[in-house]
Amino acid sequence: MDNTIIAVVVPIITACCTVASFVVGRVVSTRKEAKSKGKNEGELKSDIDYIKARLDSLYSEQHEMVKNFEANSERITRCEESAKQAHRRIDRLENLHDRSK
């Protein structure tokens, strides 16, 4: 009978050890996958946050450029008007000079 008990108990213990080994392996694998997934998601979130910050910076720079463009457009318009008036005065002076000859 002793051999019969050993013949029954050893395969049962082996099966239990195999199942336990599988369960432990699966748990460890799942934890590694979760850790890897969390790391990847964290990196992705960090990259997205960096892109958002850079876009905000670019929008700010663009806004400043538009302001400068508008200011320069105004200044150019005033300079053109001033040059136009200067040319009129020069033309009048030339006409006066030609008449006096």
Protein backbone atom coordinates (compact mmCIF):
# COMPACT_ATOMS: atom_id res chain seq x y z
CA MET A 1 0.00 0.00 0.00
CA ASP A 2 2.82 2.32 0.61
CA ASN A 3 3.78 2.16 -3.03
CA THR A 4 0.23 2.88 -4.05
CA ILE A 5 0.05 5.97 -1.85
CA ILE A 6 3.39 7.19 -3.22
CA ALA A 7 2.21 6.48 -6.76
CA VAL A 8 -0.89 8.63 -6.16
CA VAL A 9 0.64 11.40 -4.04
CA VAL A 10 3.75 12.13 -6.16
CA PRO A 11 1.80 12.95 -9.37
CA ILE A 12 -0.64 15.08 -7.36
CA ILE A 13 2.23 17.00 -5.73
CA THR A 14 3.91 17.38 -9.13
CA ALA A 15 0.70 18.68 -10.67
CA CYS A 16 0.21 21.12 -7.79
CA CYS A 17 3.80 22.38 -8.13
CA THR A 18 3.34 22.78 -11.88
CA VAL A 19 0.13 24.77 -11.42
CA ALA A 20 1.72 26.90 -8.68
CA SER A 21 4.77 27.54 -10.88
CA PHE A 22 2.49 28.57 -13.76
CA VAL A 23 0.48 30.91 -11.54
CA VAL A 24 3.60 32.55 -10.08
CA GLY A 25 5.10 32.94 -13.57
CA ARG A 26 1.91 34.49 -14.87
CA VAL A 27 1.68 36.93 -11.95
CA VAL A 28 5.30 38.01 -12.42
CA SER A 29 4.78 38.38 -16.16
CA THR A 30 1.62 40.43 -15.64
CA ARG A 31 3.40 42.74 -13.21
CA LYS A 32 6.28 43.25 -15.64
CA GLU A 33 3.82 44.02 -18.44
CA ALA A 34 1.94 46.48 -16.23
CA LYS A 35 5.16 48.18 -15.19
CA SER A 36 6.32 48.41 -18.81
CA LYS A 37 2.92 49.72 -19.92
CA GLY A 38 2.93 52.31 -17.13
CA LYS A 39 6.42 53.45 -18.08
CA ASN A 40 5.44 53.79 -21.74
CA GLU A 41 2.27 55.70 -20.86
CA GLY A 42 4.27 57.98 -18.56
CA GLU A 43 6.79 58.73 -21.30
CA LEU A 44 3.98 59.41 -23.76
CA LYS A 45 2.25 61.77 -21.33
CA SER A 46 5.53 63.55 -20.69
CA ASP A 47 6.12 63.95 -24.43
CA ILE A 48 2.59 65.28 -24.94
CA ASP A 49 3.04 67.78 -22.10
CA TYR A 50 6.32 68.94 -23.68
CA ILE A 51 4.62 69.36 -27.06
CA LYS A 52 1.80 71.36 -25.44
CA ALA A 53 4.27 73.64 -23.67
CA ARG A 54 6.25 74.16 -26.89
CA LEU A 55 3.06 74.94 -28.84
CA ASP A 56 2.04 77.49 -26.21
CA SER A 57 5.48 79.07 -26.56
CA LEU A 58 5.16 79.15 -30.35
CA TYR A 59 1.69 80.72 -30.15
CA SER A 60 3.06 83.37 -27.82
CA GLU A 61 5.96 84.09 -30.19
CA GLN A 62 3.57 84.26 -33.13
CA HIS A 63 1.34 86.70 -31.25
CA GLU A 64 4.33 88.96 -30.60
CA MET A 65 5.34 88.75 -34.27
CA VAL A 66 1.84 89.79 -35.35
CA LYS A 67 1.98 92.76 -32.97
CA ASN A 68 5.37 93.78 -34.38
CA PHE A 69 4.10 93.36 -37.93
CA GLU A 70 1.10 95.58 -37.25
CA ALA A 71 3.29 98.21 -35.59
CA ASN A 72 5.73 98.14 -38.51
CA SER A 73 2.88 98.39 -41.02
CA GLU A 74 1.65 101.50 -39.23
CA ARG A 75 5.13 103.01 -39.20
CA ILE A 76 5.66 102.24 -42.89
CA THR A 77 2.34 103.90 -43.76
CA ARG A 78 3.36 107.01 -41.80
CA CYS A 79 6.78 107.05 -43.49
CA GLU A 80 5.17 106.75 -46.93
CA GLU A 81 2.84 109.65 -46.15
CA SER A 82 5.76 111.69 -44.87
CA ALA A 83 7.80 110.90 -48.00
CA LYS A 84 4.83 111.84 -50.19
CA GLN A 85 4.55 115.23 -48.45
CA ALA A 86 8.32 115.76 -48.72
CA HIS A 87 8.18 115.06 -52.46
CA ARG A 88 5.36 117.61 -52.84
CA ARG A 89 7.40 120.22 -51.01
CA ILE A 90 10.46 119.42 -53.13
CA ASP A 91 8.37 119.67 -56.30
CA ARG A 92 7.05 123.07 -55.14
CA LEU A 93 10.57 124.27 -54.40
CA GLU A 94 11.77 123.08 -57.81
CA ASN A 95 8.86 124.87 -59.49
CA LEU A 96 9.70 128.07 -57.59
CA HIS A 97 13.33 127.72 -58.51
CA ASP A 98 12.48 127.15 -62.21
CA ARG A 99 10.16 130.20 -62.26
CA SER A 100 12.78 132.43 -60.74
CA LYS A 101 15.30 131.69 -63.52
